[in-house]
Amino acid sequence: MATKSILKDVNIKNKRSAKKFVDALENASGKTSKTVVYSRTVTELKGDDIKKYFGDKKWQDTQD
């Protein structure tokens, strides 16, 4: 899931919107996400591992 979607502000302005929001939360509470099967090798990189993975390459802006 994208981070932006879980950090979004929700403004509830009336009882009807509040009921719809609660109904949506209750409907989603029992559901689980689908298992993802990767078709290629996956490597998770964090922190300094990213620099090690790419080496000392300097990226240049192509819009000079």
PDB file of N, CA and C in Angstrom:
ATOM      1  N   MET A   1       0.845  -1.160   0.000  1.00  0.00           N
ATOM      2  CA  MET A   1       0.000   0.000   0.000  1.00  0.00           C
ATOM      3  C   MET A   1       0.899   1.233   0.000  1.00  0.00           C
ATOM      4  N   ALA A   2       0.474   2.222  -0.710  1.00  0.00           N
ATOM      5  CA  ALA A   2       1.234   3.456  -0.741  1.00  0.00           C
ATOM      6  C   ALA A   2       1.112   4.185   0.590  1.00  0.00           C
ATOM      7  N   THR A   3       2.215   4.787   1.008  1.00  0.00           N
ATOM      8  CA  THR A   3       2.222   5.501   2.285  1.00  0.00           C
ATOM      9  C   THR A   3       1.250   6.666   2.275  1.00  0.00           C
ATOM     10  N   LYS A   4       1.145   7.348   1.149  1.00  0.00           N
ATOM     11  CA  LYS A   4       0.273   8.514   1.082  1.00  0.00           C
ATOM     12  C   LYS A   4      -1.168   8.161   1.427  1.00  0.00           C
ATOM     13  N   SER A   5      -1.615   6.988   1.029  1.00  0.00           N
ATOM     14  CA  SER A   5      -3.004   6.616   1.270  1.00  0.00           C
ATOM     15  C   SER A   5      -3.299   6.358   2.747  1.00  0.00           C
ATOM     16  N   ILE A   6      -2.298   5.958   3.532  1.00  0.00           N
ATOM     17  CA  ILE A   6      -2.567   5.719   4.957  1.00  0.00           C
ATOM     18  C   ILE A   6      -2.326   6.958   5.807  1.00  0.00           C
ATOM     19  N   LEU A   7      -1.755   8.002   5.220  1.00  0.00           N
ATOM     20  CA  LEU A   7      -1.507   9.244   5.955  1.00  0.00           C
ATOM     21  C   LEU A   7      -2.491  10.349   5.577  1.00  0.00           C
ATOM     22  N   LYS A   8      -3.494  10.021   4.810  1.00  0.00           N
ATOM     23  CA  LYS A   8      -4.449  11.009   4.310  1.00  0.00           C
ATOM     24  C   LYS A   8      -5.375  11.489   5.423  1.00  0.00           C
ATOM     25  N   ASP A   9      -5.637  12.792   5.447  1.00  0.00           N
ATOM     26  CA  ASP A   9      -6.589  13.360   6.402  1.00  0.00           C
ATOM     27  C   ASP A   9      -8.008  13.044   5.946  1.00  0.00           C
ATOM     28  N   VAL A  10      -8.879  12.745   6.903  1.00  0.00           N
ATOM     29  CA  VAL A  10     -10.281  12.470   6.600  1.00  0.00           C
ATOM     30  C   VAL A  10     -11.116  13.492   7.343  1.00  0.00           C
ATOM     31  N   ASN A  11     -11.909  14.258   6.585  1.00  0.00           N
ATOM     32  CA  ASN A  11     -12.784  15.263   7.190  1.00  0.00           C
ATOM     33  C   ASN A  11     -14.217  14.760   7.134  1.00  0.00           C
ATOM     34  N   ILE A  12     -14.812  14.557   8.300  1.00  0.00           N
ATOM     35  CA  ILE A  12     -16.189  14.084   8.387  1.00  0.00           C
ATOM     36  C   ILE A  12     -17.047  15.268   8.796  1.00  0.00           C
ATOM     37  N   LYS A  13     -17.967  15.642   7.897  1.00  0.00           N
ATOM     38  CA  LYS A  13     -18.721  16.874   8.107  1.00  0.00           C
ATOM     39  C   LYS A  13     -20.159  16.659   8.563  1.00  0.00           C
ATOM     40  N   ASN A  14     -20.658  15.407   8.458  1.00  0.00           N
ATOM     41  CA  ASN A  14     -22.036  15.168   8.885  1.00  0.00           C
ATOM     42  C   ASN A  14     -22.200  13.704   9.308  1.00  0.00           C
ATOM     43  N   LYS A  15     -23.377  13.397   9.863  1.00  0.00           N
ATOM     44  CA  LYS A  15     -23.631  12.050  10.377  1.00  0.00           C
ATOM     45  C   LYS A  15     -23.623  11.003   9.264  1.00  0.00           C
ATOM     46  N   ARG A  16     -24.121  11.357   8.101  1.00  0.00           N
ATOM     47  CA  ARG A  16     -24.160  10.405   6.986  1.00  0.00           C
ATOM     48  C   ARG A  16     -22.738   9.999   6.578  1.00  0.00           C
ATOM     49  N   SER A  17     -21.848  10.977   6.483  1.00  0.00           N
ATOM     50  CA  SER A  17     -20.454  10.677   6.139  1.00  0.00           C
ATOM     51  C   SER A  17     -19.794   9.840   7.235  1.00  0.00           C
ATOM     52  N   ALA A  18     -20.110  10.133   8.488  1.00  0.00           N
ATOM     53  CA  ALA A  18     -19.539   9.375   9.601  1.00  0.00           C
ATOM     54  C   ALA A  18     -19.999   7.922   9.538  1.00  0.00           C
ATOM     55  N   LYS A  19     -21.283   7.706   9.248  1.00  0.00           N
ATOM     56  CA  LYS A  19     -21.796   6.338   9.153  1.00  0.00           C
ATOM     57  C   LYS A  19     -21.137   5.589   8.003  1.00  0.00           C
ATOM     58  N   LYS A  20     -20.981   6.238   6.845  1.00  0.00           N
ATOM     59  CA  LYS A  20     -20.329   5.593   5.698  1.00  0.00           C
ATOM     60  C   LYS A  20     -18.884   5.224   6.037  1.00  0.00           C
ATOM     61  N   PHE A  21     -18.201   6.108   6.739  1.00  0.00           N
ATOM     62  CA  PHE A  21     -16.815   5.856   7.114  1.00  0.00           C
ATOM     63  C   PHE A  21     -16.714   4.662   8.069  1.00  0.00           C
ATOM     64  N   VAL A  22     -17.566   4.619   9.067  1.00  0.00           N
ATOM     65  CA  VAL A  22     -17.567   3.512  10.029  1.00  0.00           C
ATOM     66  C   VAL A  22     -17.932   2.205   9.330  1.00  0.00           C
ATOM     67  N   ASP A  23     -18.916   2.256   8.442  1.00  0.00           N
ATOM     68  CA  ASP A  23     -19.297   1.049   7.690  1.00  0.00           C
ATOM     69  C   ASP A  23     -18.129   0.536   6.852  1.00  0.00           C
ATOM     70  N   ALA A  24     -17.397   1.441   6.217  1.00  0.00           N
ATOM     71  CA  ALA A  24     -16.245   1.044   5.396  1.00  0.00           C
ATOM     72  C   ALA A  24     -15.160   0.408   6.257  1.00  0.00           C
ATOM     73  N   LEU A  25     -14.903   0.982   7.435  1.00  0.00           N
ATOM     74  CA  LEU A  25     -13.898   0.418   8.345  1.00  0.00           C
ATOM     75  C   LEU A  25     -14.316  -0.970   8.830  1.00  0.00           C
ATOM     76  N   GLU A  26     -15.578  -1.115   9.194  1.00  0.00           N
ATOM     77  CA  GLU A  26     -16.069  -2.416   9.663  1.00  0.00           C
ATOM     78  C   GLU A  26     -16.028  -3.451   8.543  1.00  0.00           C
ATOM     79  N   ASN A  27     -16.337  -3.043   7.329  1.00  0.00           N
ATOM     80  CA  ASN A  27     -16.306  -3.955   6.187  1.00  0.00           C
ATOM     81  C   ASN A  27     -14.870  -4.423   5.895  1.00  0.00           C
ATOM     82  N   ALA A  28     -13.914  -3.533   6.062  1.00  0.00           N
ATOM     83  CA  ALA A  28     -12.524  -3.858   5.756  1.00  0.00           C
ATOM     84  C   ALA A  28     -11.826  -4.608   6.889  1.00  0.00           C
ATOM     85  N   SER A  29     -12.380  -4.574   8.077  1.00  0.00           N
ATOM     86  CA  SER A  29     -11.681  -5.138   9.238  1.00  0.00           C
ATOM     87  C   SER A  29     -11.441  -6.641   9.140  1.00  0.00           C
ATOM     88  N   GLY A  30     -12.330  -7.373   8.527  1.00  0.00           N
ATOM     89  CA  GLY A  30     -12.172  -8.818   8.463  1.00  0.00           C
ATOM     90  C   GLY A  30     -11.424  -9.308   7.237  1.00  0.00           C
ATOM     91  N   LYS A  31     -11.034  -8.411   6.356  1.00  0.00           N
ATOM     92  CA  LYS A  31     -10.393  -8.808   5.105  1.00  0.00           C
ATOM     93  C   LYS A  31      -8.878  -8.787   5.229  1.00  0.00           C
ATOM     94  N   THR A  32      -8.257  -9.702   4.532  1.00  0.00           N
ATOM     95  CA  THR A  32      -6.794  -9.745   4.512  1.00  0.00           C
ATOM     96  C   THR A  32      -6.308  -9.463   3.097  1.00  0.00           C
ATOM     97  N   SER A  33      -5.057  -9.061   3.003  1.00  0.00           N
ATOM     98  CA  SER A  33      -4.497  -8.774   1.687  1.00  0.00           C
ATOM     99  C   SER A  33      -4.091 -10.067   0.993  1.00  0.00           C
ATOM    100  N   LYS A  34      -3.946  -9.993  -0.320  1.00  0.00           N
ATOM    101  CA  LYS A  34      -3.540 -11.156  -1.099  1.00  0.00           C
ATOM    102  C   LYS A  34      -2.042 -11.388  -0.913  1.00  0.00           C
ATOM    103  N   THR A  35      -1.644 -12.646  -0.941  1.00  0.00           N
ATOM    104  CA  THR A  35      -0.232 -12.991  -0.859  1.00  0.00           C
ATOM    105  C   THR A  35       0.425 -12.703  -2.201  1.00  0.00           C
ATOM    106  N   VAL A  36       1.559 -12.035  -2.160  1.00  0.00           N
ATOM    107  CA  VAL A  36       2.276 -11.686  -3.379  1.00  0.00           C
ATOM    108  C   VAL A  36       3.356 -12.728  -3.632  1.00  0.00           C
ATOM    109  N   VAL A  37       3.386 -13.249  -4.843  1.00  0.00           N
ATOM    110  CA  VAL A  37       4.413 -14.196  -5.242  1.00  0.00           C
ATOM    111  C   VAL A  37       5.306 -13.484  -6.248  1.00  0.00           C
ATOM    112  N   TYR A  38       6.571 -13.322  -5.912  1.00  0.00           N
ATOM    113  CA  TYR A  38       7.508 -12.619  -6.780  1.00  0.00           C
ATOM    114  C   TYR A  38       7.981 -13.542  -7.896  1.00  0.00           C
ATOM    115  N   SER A  39       8.020 -13.008  -9.104  1.00  0.00           N
ATOM    116  CA  SER A  39       8.477 -13.807 -10.234  1.00  0.00           C
ATOM    117  C   SER A  39       9.973 -13.620 -10.483  1.00  0.00           C
ATOM    118  N   ARG A  40      10.591 -12.718  -9.750  1.00  0.00           N
ATOM    119  CA  ARG A  40      12.021 -12.460  -9.884  1.00  0.00           C
ATOM    120  C   ARG A  40      12.647 -12.404  -8.489  1.00  0.00           C
ATOM    121  N   THR A  41      13.964 -12.461  -8.457  1.00  0.00           N
ATOM    122  CA  THR A  41      14.677 -12.383  -7.186  1.00  0.00           C
ATOM    123  C   THR A  41      14.512 -10.977  -6.602  1.00  0.00           C
ATOM    124  N   VAL A  42      14.246 -10.915  -5.328  1.00  0.00           N
ATOM    125  CA  VAL A  42      14.022  -9.636  -4.656  1.00  0.00           C
ATOM    126  C   VAL A  42      15.082  -9.450  -3.580  1.00  0.00           C
ATOM    127  N   THR A  43      15.663  -8.241  -3.536  1.00  0.00           N
ATOM    128  CA  THR A  43      16.632  -7.899  -2.505  1.00  0.00           C
ATOM    129  C   THR A  43      16.152  -6.643  -1.798  1.00  0.00           C
ATOM    130  N   GLU A  44      16.020  -6.709  -0.489  1.00  0.00           N
ATOM    131  CA  GLU A  44      15.588  -5.548   0.274  1.00  0.00           C
ATOM    132  C   GLU A  44      16.825  -4.824   0.792  1.00  0.00           C
ATOM    133  N   LEU A  45      16.908  -3.532   0.479  1.00  0.00           N
ATOM    134  CA  LEU A  45      18.051  -2.728   0.897  1.00  0.00           C
ATOM    135  C   LEU A  45      17.579  -1.624   1.827  1.00  0.00           C
ATOM    136  N   LYS A  46      18.331  -1.390   2.885  1.00  0.00           N
ATOM    137  CA  LYS A  46      18.004  -0.329   3.832  1.00  0.00           C
ATOM    138  C   LYS A  46      19.261   0.466   4.150  1.00  0.00           C
ATOM    139  N   GLY A  47      19.089   1.742   4.385  1.00  0.00           N
ATOM    140  CA  GLY A  47      20.173   2.607   4.851  1.00  0.00           C
ATOM    141  C   GLY A  47      21.413   2.572   3.990  1.00  0.00           C
ATOM    142  N   ASP A  48      22.551   2.310   4.618  1.00  0.00           N
ATOM    143  CA  ASP A  48      23.838   2.329   3.927  1.00  0.00           C
ATOM    144  C   ASP A  48      23.978   1.203   2.911  1.00  0.00           C
ATOM    145  N   ASP A  49      23.163   0.169   3.021  1.00  0.00           N
ATOM    146  CA  ASP A  49      23.220  -0.923   2.046  1.00  0.00           C
ATOM    147  C   ASP A  49      22.900  -0.425   0.639  1.00  0.00           C
ATOM    148  N   ILE A  50      22.078   0.621   0.535  1.00  0.00           N
ATOM    149  CA  ILE A  50      21.742   1.183  -0.773  1.00  0.00           C
ATOM    150  C   ILE A  50      22.989   1.751  -1.431  1.00  0.00           C
ATOM    151  N   LYS A  51      23.777   2.493  -0.664  1.00  0.00           N
ATOM    152  CA  LYS A  51      25.020   3.064  -1.201  1.00  0.00           C
ATOM    153  C   LYS A  51      25.984   1.958  -1.605  1.00  0.00           C
ATOM    154  N   LYS A  52      26.076   0.917  -0.799  1.00  0.00           N
ATOM    155  CA  LYS A  52      26.966  -0.199  -1.121  1.00  0.00           C
ATOM    156  C   LYS A  52      26.510  -0.904  -2.401  1.00  0.00           C
ATOM    157  N   TYR A  53      25.209  -1.036  -2.574  1.00  0.00           N
ATOM    158  CA  TYR A  53      24.657  -1.731  -3.726  1.00  0.00           C
ATOM    159  C   TYR A  53      24.973  -0.997  -5.031  1.00  0.00           C
ATOM    160  N   PHE A  54      24.818   0.333  -5.010  1.00  0.00           N
ATOM    161  CA  PHE A  54      25.048   1.124  -6.214  1.00  0.00           C
ATOM    162  C   PHE A  54      26.482   1.598  -6.354  1.00  0.00           C
ATOM    163  N   GLY A  55      27.272   1.482  -5.314  1.00  0.00           N
ATOM    164  CA  GLY A  55      28.663   1.915  -5.378  1.00  0.00           C
ATOM    165  C   GLY A  55      28.788   3.422  -5.255  1.00  0.00           C
ATOM    166  N   ASP A  56      29.897   3.951  -5.747  1.00  0.00           N
ATOM    167  CA  ASP A  56      30.160   5.389  -5.636  1.00  0.00           C
ATOM    168  C   ASP A  56      29.736   6.147  -6.884  1.00  0.00           C
ATOM    169  N   LYS A  57      28.729   5.684  -7.574  1.00  0.00           N
ATOM    170  CA  LYS A  57      28.258   6.354  -8.783  1.00  0.00           C
ATOM    171  C   LYS A  57      27.645   7.700  -8.428  1.00  0.00           C
ATOM    172  N   LYS A  58      27.985   8.699  -9.204  1.00  0.00           N
ATOM    173  CA  LYS A  58      27.395  10.032  -9.023  1.00  0.00           C
ATOM    174  C   LYS A  58      26.342  10.210 -10.112  1.00  0.00           C
ATOM    175  N   TRP A  59      25.130  10.469  -9.715  1.00  0.00           N
ATOM    176  CA  TRP A  59      24.034  10.633 -10.668  1.00  0.00           C
ATOM    177  C   TRP A  59      23.997  12.079 -11.109  1.00  0.00           C
ATOM    178  N   GLN A  60      23.876  12.311 -12.407  1.00  0.00           N
ATOM    179  CA  GLN A  60      23.830  13.659 -12.955  1.00  0.00           C
ATOM    180  C   GLN A  60      22.428  13.951 -13.449  1.00  0.00           C
ATOM    181  N   ASP A  61      22.035  15.200 -13.282  1.00  0.00           N
ATOM    182  CA  ASP A  61      20.737  15.644 -13.772  1.00  0.00           C
ATOM    183  C   ASP A  61      20.844  15.781 -15.288  1.00  0.00           C
ATOM    184  N   THR A  62      19.957  15.137 -16.018  1.00  0.00           N
ATOM    185  CA  THR A  62      20.026  15.155 -17.483  1.00  0.00           C
ATOM    186  C   THR A  62      19.370  16.398 -18.071  1.00  0.00           C
ATOM    187  N   GLN A  63      18.868  17.290 -17.237  1.00  0.00           N
ATOM    188  CA  GLN A  63      18.190  18.477 -17.730  1.00  0.00           C
ATOM    189  C   GLN A  63      19.042  19.727 -17.584  1.00  0.00           C
ATOM    190  N   ASP A  64      20.353  19.613 -17.856  1.00  0.00           N
ATOM    191  CA  ASP A  64      21.251  20.772 -17.758  1.00  0.00           C
ATOM    192  C   ASP A  64      21.028  21.738 -18.889  1.00  0.00           C
TER     193      ASP A  64
END
